Amino acid sequence: MEPKYSVGKLKHNELETLFNEYVADLKFSDKRIISGSKVGEDAAVIDTEGDSYLVVKTDPITFATDEIGYYVVNVNVNDVVCTGATPKWFQSTILLPEKKTSEHLIKSIFKGIHDTCKSFGISVIGGHTEVTGGIGRPIVVGSLIGEVKKSKLVLTSGAEPGDDLILTKGIFIEGTSIIAREKESILKQKGFDSKFIETCKNFLYDPGISVYQEAILAHSHFTVKAMHDPTEGGLACGIAEMGIASKTGMLIYKNKINLLPEAQKLSKIFGLNPMGTISSGSLLIAIEKENSRKLIDFLRKEGINGMKIGEFTEKEKGFLLQNEKGEIEPLKYSEIDEISKIFNE
């Protein structure tokens, strides 16, 4: 009998049920909560009763081991800047495997967190570290607080029918780096040379898993309706989360989605669907149709590839994909990330 739950995020409908049963009444008891637990919204927003909101985010790193400190800061920064906020204060809970922990491992995690926070001007304000039984690799859970002027807040739920959907860089960026770093020996066995593997590892930095620059640029120069950082479940899940949060449908053009050659090769080798593989480094931006071309041109002048990959439609139309043949079909997505397959071998 197969287990009911697989590795990865809980299904959206299950989360919605849990939120309604256990969280909704707590939100309504505190009027300072501007945005709380909601499918598609990756950060909470709290009114400090001044001219700014606090934006609060938490996210773990469970797949990657190498450069885990860099990962955990960046994935939390990504979700905070998607609200238009400036990241300020970071905490982490570091869980270390009982039989695989060394002084070098501990120092590398602390250094990765310190150096990455310093590069963003973020203060590390605390956390918790322990050696934990029952886990096979380090797990780091980050928590980040940012600030945003009330007039500048952006939510995932802000998109409307008629808006365009812009994607930056491409997809499978984080997945490419994770595979190269965690499965290097397998890639060598399959005949990939060191140059190719190092290029894939370097996807962590180039094109990079951070969306900080493009989010800040888009938000500061344009009136964006919504931004979202597709992580577990990949681009398809991220698109669905934007639609669920905004109560819209979506029409996506598959031939407009950029899949870099290295990522394409790895997806074939490991039998992964690129649309469903962890994609930190990709930024989804909803913007009014008349401004989408201007935004794309602006980003490209700043050295960031951007492309229109779809449009927001009426909710009743659902989530649709135009395939390579021009045929319209349902957009399939899963909350369970494709990359989990490489850890189940």
Protein backbone atom coordinates (compact mmCIF):
# COMPACT_ATOMS: atom_id res chain seq x y z
CA MET A 1 0.00 0.00 0.00
CA GLU A 2 1.47 3.34 -1.07
CA PRO A 3 1.76 6.04 1.59
CA LYS A 4 -0.86 8.79 1.35
CA TYR A 5 1.74 11.55 1.46
CA SER A 6 4.78 11.86 -0.78
CA VAL A 7 7.90 13.97 -0.24
CA GLY A 8 7.10 17.61 -0.99
CA LYS A 9 4.50 20.24 -0.29
CA LEU A 10 1.00 19.37 0.84
CA LYS A 11 -1.66 19.64 -1.85
CA HIS A 12 -3.28 23.05 -2.19
CA ASN A 13 -6.77 21.81 -1.36
CA GLU A 14 -5.52 20.11 1.81
CA LEU A 15 -3.76 23.28 2.89
CA GLU A 16 -6.89 25.33 2.24
CA THR A 17 -8.91 22.98 4.43
CA LEU A 18 -6.35 23.21 7.24
CA PHE A 19 -6.21 27.00 7.00
CA ASN A 20 -9.99 27.27 7.20
CA GLU A 21 -10.25 24.88 10.13
CA TYR A 22 -7.34 25.95 12.30
CA VAL A 23 -6.00 29.34 11.19
CA ALA A 24 -8.80 31.59 9.94
CA ASP A 25 -10.23 32.46 13.36
CA LEU A 26 -6.76 33.44 14.66
CA LYS A 27 -6.23 35.81 11.73
CA PHE A 28 -9.52 37.58 12.27
CA SER A 29 -8.76 38.06 15.96
CA ASP A 30 -5.85 40.37 15.10
CA LYS A 31 -6.75 43.22 12.76
CA ARG A 32 -3.06 44.01 12.17
CA ILE A 33 -2.70 40.92 9.96
CA ILE A 34 -2.95 42.28 6.43
CA SER A 35 -2.12 39.01 4.70
CA GLY A 36 -1.87 35.68 6.49
CA SER A 37 -2.09 31.98 5.64
CA LYS A 38 -3.29 31.61 2.06
CA VAL A 39 -2.42 29.32 -0.84
CA GLY A 40 -0.12 31.22 -3.20
CA GLU A 41 0.95 33.88 -0.70
CA ASP A 42 4.46 33.00 0.47
CA ALA A 43 4.88 35.72 3.10
CA ALA A 44 2.72 37.21 5.84
CA VAL A 45 2.15 40.95 6.10
CA ILE A 46 1.65 42.71 9.44
CA ASP A 47 0.64 46.31 10.10
CA THR A 48 3.04 47.99 12.53
CA GLU A 49 0.72 51.01 12.70
CA GLY A 50 3.37 53.26 11.15
CA ASP A 51 3.89 54.00 7.46
CA SER A 52 5.35 50.53 6.75
CA TYR A 53 4.32 46.89 6.92
CA LEU A 54 6.44 44.05 8.27
CA VAL A 55 6.77 41.14 5.82
CA VAL A 56 7.53 37.79 7.46
CA LYS A 57 8.68 34.66 5.65
CA THR A 58 9.88 31.17 6.56
CA ASP A 59 11.20 28.49 4.21
CA PRO A 60 13.39 25.36 4.60
CA ILE A 61 16.10 23.81 2.46
CA THR A 62 15.51 20.06 2.34
CA PHE A 63 16.94 18.88 -1.01
CA ALA A 64 20.32 20.62 -1.22
CA THR A 65 23.34 19.91 0.98
CA ASP A 66 26.18 21.76 -0.73
CA GLU A 67 26.00 25.57 -0.20
CA ILE A 68 22.93 25.12 1.98
CA GLY A 69 23.57 28.42 3.83
CA TYR A 70 23.51 30.32 0.54
CA TYR A 71 20.34 28.53 -0.54
CA VAL A 72 18.39 29.17 2.65
CA VAL A 73 18.99 32.90 2.71
CA ASN A 74 18.21 33.35 -0.97
CA VAL A 75 14.95 31.41 -1.04
CA ASN A 76 13.66 33.50 1.85
CA VAL A 77 14.91 36.75 0.30
CA ASN A 78 13.15 35.85 -2.95
CA ASP A 79 9.74 35.61 -1.30
CA VAL A 80 10.22 38.81 0.70
CA VAL A 81 11.28 40.91 -2.30
CA CYS A 82 8.31 39.55 -4.26
CA THR A 83 6.15 41.65 -1.93
CA GLY A 84 8.19 44.77 -2.72
CA ALA A 85 9.82 44.66 0.73
CA THR A 86 13.45 45.18 1.73
CA PRO A 87 14.89 42.14 3.61
CA LYS A 88 16.14 43.13 7.08
CA TRP A 89 16.41 40.41 9.76
CA PHE A 90 17.18 36.68 9.44
CA GLN A 91 16.97 33.70 11.79
CA SER A 92 17.55 30.01 11.13
CA THR A 93 16.97 26.61 12.69
CA ILE A 94 19.80 24.26 11.71
CA LEU A 95 19.17 20.52 12.08
CA LEU A 96 22.30 18.39 11.64
CA PRO A 97 22.42 14.62 10.96
CA GLU A 98 23.64 12.58 13.91
CA LYS A 99 26.27 10.50 12.11
CA LYS A 100 27.37 12.85 9.35
CA THR A 101 28.09 16.10 11.16
CA SER A 102 31.59 17.55 11.32
CA GLU A 103 33.02 20.82 12.51
CA HIS A 104 33.65 21.71 8.87
CA LEU A 105 29.97 21.16 8.00
CA ILE A 106 28.78 23.37 10.85
CA LYS A 107 31.21 26.16 10.00
CA SER A 108 30.34 26.01 6.29
CA ILE A 109 26.63 26.44 7.02
CA PHE A 110 27.23 29.35 9.40
CA LYS A 111 29.63 30.98 6.94
CA GLY A 112 27.20 30.57 4.06
CA ILE A 113 24.41 32.22 6.04
CA HIS A 114 26.66 35.01 7.31
CA ASP A 115 28.24 35.86 3.96
CA THR A 116 24.95 35.77 2.05
CA CYS A 117 23.11 37.90 4.61
CA LYS A 118 25.99 40.38 4.58
CA SER A 119 25.76 40.68 0.78
CA PHE A 120 22.10 41.73 1.11
CA GLY A 121 22.61 44.01 4.10
CA ILE A 122 20.59 41.61 6.29
CA SER A 123 21.25 41.25 10.03
CA VAL A 124 21.40 37.73 11.50
CA ILE A 125 19.49 38.04 14.77
CA GLY A 126 19.34 34.51 16.15
CA GLY A 127 18.14 30.96 15.65
CA HIS A 128 18.74 27.44 16.89
CA THR A 129 21.27 24.69 16.04
CA GLU A 130 21.17 21.02 17.05
CA VAL A 131 22.22 17.52 16.04
CA THR A 132 19.02 15.65 15.27
CA GLY A 133 18.38 11.93 15.10
CA GLY A 134 16.55 10.36 12.18
CA ILE A 135 17.73 12.61 9.37
CA GLY A 136 20.28 11.76 6.68
CA ARG A 137 21.37 15.25 5.62
CA PRO A 138 21.31 18.79 7.03
CA ILE A 139 18.02 20.66 7.06
CA VAL A 140 18.02 24.42 7.52
CA VAL A 141 14.83 26.39 8.09
CA GLY A 142 15.12 30.12 7.53
CA SER A 143 12.92 32.96 8.76
CA LEU A 144 13.24 36.45 7.31
CA ILE A 145 11.57 39.76 8.16
CA GLY A 146 11.44 42.70 5.78
CA GLU A 147 9.82 46.12 5.58
CA VAL A 148 7.76 47.75 2.84
CA LYS A 149 6.01 51.09 2.56
CA LYS A 150 2.27 50.52 2.73
CA SER A 151 1.73 52.10 -0.67
CA LYS A 152 4.31 49.79 -2.26
CA LEU A 153 3.05 46.38 -1.06
CA VAL A 154 2.68 43.72 -3.77
CA LEU A 155 0.76 40.48 -3.19
CA THR A 156 0.59 37.29 -5.25
CA SER A 157 -3.18 37.79 -5.25
CA GLY A 158 -3.01 41.10 -7.13
CA ALA A 159 -3.32 39.83 -10.71
CA GLU A 160 -6.50 40.34 -12.75
CA PRO A 161 -7.92 38.90 -16.00
CA GLY A 162 -6.27 40.65 -18.94
CA ASP A 163 -2.89 41.04 -17.24
CA ASP A 164 0.21 39.56 -18.89
CA LEU A 165 2.49 37.04 -17.18
CA ILE A 166 6.24 37.67 -17.51
CA LEU A 167 8.93 35.09 -16.69
CA THR A 168 12.55 36.08 -16.05
CA LYS A 169 15.65 34.03 -16.97
CA GLY A 170 14.05 30.64 -17.56
CA ILE A 171 13.17 27.49 -15.61
CA PHE A 172 14.89 24.55 -13.87
CA ILE A 173 17.67 26.87 -12.65
CA GLU A 174 17.82 25.65 -9.06
CA GLY A 175 17.13 22.08 -10.10
CA THR A 176 20.12 22.11 -12.46
CA SER A 177 22.47 23.23 -9.70
CA ILE A 178 21.10 20.75 -7.16
CA ILE A 179 21.46 17.79 -9.53
CA ALA A 180 25.06 18.72 -10.44
CA ARG A 181 26.04 19.18 -6.80
CA GLU A 182 24.21 16.19 -5.32
CA LYS A 183 24.60 13.68 -8.19
CA GLU A 184 28.02 14.54 -9.62
CA SER A 185 29.26 10.96 -9.51
CA ILE A 186 26.25 9.73 -11.49
CA LEU A 187 26.75 12.43 -14.12
CA LYS A 188 30.38 11.38 -14.52
CA GLN A 189 29.30 7.75 -14.90
CA LYS A 190 26.95 8.83 -17.66
CA GLY A 191 29.82 10.47 -19.54
CA PHE A 192 29.43 14.16 -18.69
CA ASP A 193 32.74 16.00 -18.43
CA SER A 194 33.88 18.23 -15.57
CA LYS A 195 33.29 21.42 -17.57
CA PHE A 196 29.62 20.61 -18.12
CA ILE A 197 29.13 19.61 -14.48
CA GLU A 198 30.80 22.80 -13.19
CA THR A 199 28.62 24.90 -15.50
CA CYS A 200 25.54 23.22 -14.05
CA LYS A 201 26.77 23.67 -10.48
CA ASN A 202 27.32 27.35 -11.21
CA PHE A 203 23.62 27.78 -12.10
CA LEU A 204 23.40 28.57 -8.38
CA TYR A 205 25.06 31.90 -9.22
CA ASP A 206 24.68 32.25 -13.02
CA PRO A 207 21.90 32.68 -14.02
CA GLY A 208 21.46 32.34 -10.25
CA ILE A 209 18.70 31.36 -7.83
CA SER A 210 18.23 34.93 -6.59
CA VAL A 211 15.43 37.09 -8.02
CA TYR A 212 16.43 40.06 -5.85
CA GLN A 213 17.69 42.26 -8.69
CA GLU A 214 14.81 41.74 -11.12
CA ALA A 215 12.16 42.04 -8.40
CA ILE A 216 13.62 45.33 -7.16
CA LEU A 217 14.01 46.69 -10.70
CA ALA A 218 10.48 45.74 -11.77
CA HIS A 219 8.90 47.02 -8.58
CA SER A 220 10.79 50.33 -8.52
CA HIS A 221 10.22 51.25 -12.19
CA PHE A 222 6.77 49.81 -12.94
CA THR A 223 3.43 49.26 -11.28
CA VAL A 224 3.43 45.48 -11.07
CA LYS A 225 0.22 43.73 -10.09
CA ALA A 226 1.76 40.60 -8.54
CA MET A 227 5.08 38.76 -8.24
CA HIS A 228 5.76 35.13 -7.37
CA ASP A 229 8.85 32.96 -6.96
CA PRO A 230 8.18 29.40 -8.21
CA THR A 231 10.09 26.94 -6.03
CA GLU A 232 8.91 23.39 -5.18
CA GLY A 233 6.61 22.11 -7.88
CA GLY A 234 8.42 24.27 -10.42
CA LEU A 235 6.97 26.75 -12.87
CA ALA A 236 3.66 24.94 -13.34
CA CYS A 237 2.94 24.90 -9.61
CA GLY A 238 4.02 28.55 -9.29
CA ILE A 239 1.66 29.55 -12.09
CA ALA A 240 -1.20 27.68 -10.42
CA GLU A 241 -0.44 29.37 -7.09
CA MET A 242 -0.67 32.80 -8.71
CA GLY A 243 -4.00 31.88 -10.28
CA ILE A 244 -5.39 30.40 -7.06
CA ALA A 245 -4.32 33.43 -5.02
CA SER A 246 -5.68 35.92 -7.58
CA LYS A 247 -8.84 33.89 -8.31
CA THR A 248 -8.12 33.89 -12.04
CA GLY A 249 -7.61 31.46 -14.88
CA MET A 250 -4.38 31.28 -16.89
CA LEU A 251 -3.37 30.65 -20.50
CA ILE A 252 0.31 29.69 -20.83
CA TYR A 253 2.32 29.43 -24.08
CA LYS A 254 4.76 26.55 -23.68
CA ASN A 255 6.95 27.55 -26.64
CA LYS A 256 7.68 30.90 -24.95
CA ILE A 257 9.22 29.31 -21.85
CA ASN A 258 13.03 29.37 -21.80
CA LEU A 259 14.72 26.07 -20.89
CA LEU A 260 18.49 26.39 -20.96
CA PRO A 261 20.41 23.59 -22.79
CA GLU A 262 22.10 22.24 -19.66
CA ALA A 263 18.78 22.00 -17.84
CA GLN A 264 17.21 20.28 -20.82
CA LYS A 265 19.94 17.61 -20.85
CA LEU A 266 19.59 16.93 -17.12
CA SER A 267 15.81 16.71 -17.32
CA LYS A 268 16.13 14.00 -19.97
CA ILE A 269 18.86 12.06 -18.14
CA PHE A 270 16.87 11.88 -14.90
CA GLY A 271 13.41 11.72 -16.47
CA LEU A 272 12.18 14.98 -14.93
CA ASN A 273 9.49 17.31 -16.23
CA PRO A 274 11.19 20.75 -16.42
CA MET A 275 7.85 22.49 -15.81
CA GLY A 276 7.55 20.71 -12.45
CA THR A 277 11.14 20.96 -11.19
CA ILE A 278 12.24 23.35 -8.46
CA SER A 279 12.85 26.74 -10.08
CA SER A 280 14.22 29.31 -7.67
CA GLY A 281 15.82 31.97 -9.86
CA SER A 282 12.72 32.33 -12.00
CA LEU A 283 10.47 35.30 -11.26
CA LEU A 284 6.84 35.50 -12.33
CA ILE A 285 5.50 39.02 -12.76
CA ALA A 286 1.90 40.03 -13.45
CA ILE A 287 1.60 43.40 -15.16
CA GLU A 288 -1.00 45.27 -17.18
CA LYS A 289 -0.85 44.28 -20.84
CA GLU A 290 0.08 47.78 -22.08
CA ASN A 291 3.23 47.77 -19.93
CA SER A 292 4.50 44.21 -20.43
CA ARG A 293 6.64 44.96 -23.51
CA LYS A 294 8.16 47.97 -21.75
CA LEU A 295 9.04 45.83 -18.72
CA ILE A 296 10.64 43.11 -20.86
CA ASP A 297 12.72 45.67 -22.78
CA PHE A 298 13.75 47.38 -19.54
CA LEU A 299 14.87 44.14 -17.90
CA ARG A 300 16.85 43.09 -20.97
CA LYS A 301 18.68 46.43 -20.97
CA GLU A 302 19.65 45.58 -17.39
CA GLY A 303 21.01 42.20 -18.51
CA ILE A 304 18.02 40.13 -17.36
CA ASN A 305 16.21 37.97 -19.88
CA GLY A 306 12.44 38.38 -19.72
CA MET A 307 9.64 36.88 -21.77
CA LYS A 308 5.86 36.96 -21.88
CA ILE A 309 4.69 33.39 -21.30
CA GLY A 310 0.98 33.84 -20.81
CA GLU A 311 -2.05 35.82 -19.77
CA PHE A 312 -4.44 35.90 -16.85
CA THR A 313 -8.01 34.98 -17.79
CA GLU A 314 -11.37 34.61 -16.10
CA LYS A 315 -11.37 32.03 -13.29
CA GLU A 316 -14.01 29.93 -15.04
CA LYS A 317 -11.59 29.18 -17.89
CA GLY A 318 -9.20 27.37 -15.56
CA PHE A 319 -5.46 26.83 -16.08
CA LEU A 320 -4.65 26.11 -19.72
CA LEU A 321 -1.50 25.42 -21.73
CA GLN A 322 -0.95 25.95 -25.44
CA ASN A 323 1.45 23.18 -26.41
CA GLU A 324 4.13 23.14 -29.11
CA LYS A 325 1.54 22.14 -31.72
CA GLY A 326 -0.67 25.10 -30.86
CA GLU A 327 -3.26 22.87 -29.18
CA ILE A 328 -4.92 23.99 -25.95
CA GLU A 329 -4.85 21.53 -23.07
CA PRO A 330 -5.16 21.68 -19.27
CA LEU A 331 -2.05 22.91 -17.46
CA LYS A 332 -0.94 19.97 -15.37
CA TYR A 333 0.87 20.67 -12.13
CA SER A 334 1.80 18.95 -8.90
CA GLU A 335 2.79 20.23 -5.48
CA ILE A 336 5.28 17.31 -5.35
CA ASP A 337 8.51 18.44 -6.96
CA GLU A 338 10.02 16.37 -9.77
CA ILE A 339 13.46 16.58 -8.19
CA SER A 340 12.33 14.37 -5.33
CA LYS A 341 12.72 11.47 -7.79
CA ILE A 342 16.50 11.74 -7.73
CA PHE A 343 16.55 11.29 -3.95
CA ASN A 344 14.28 8.25 -4.06
CA GLU A 345 16.64 6.18 -6.21
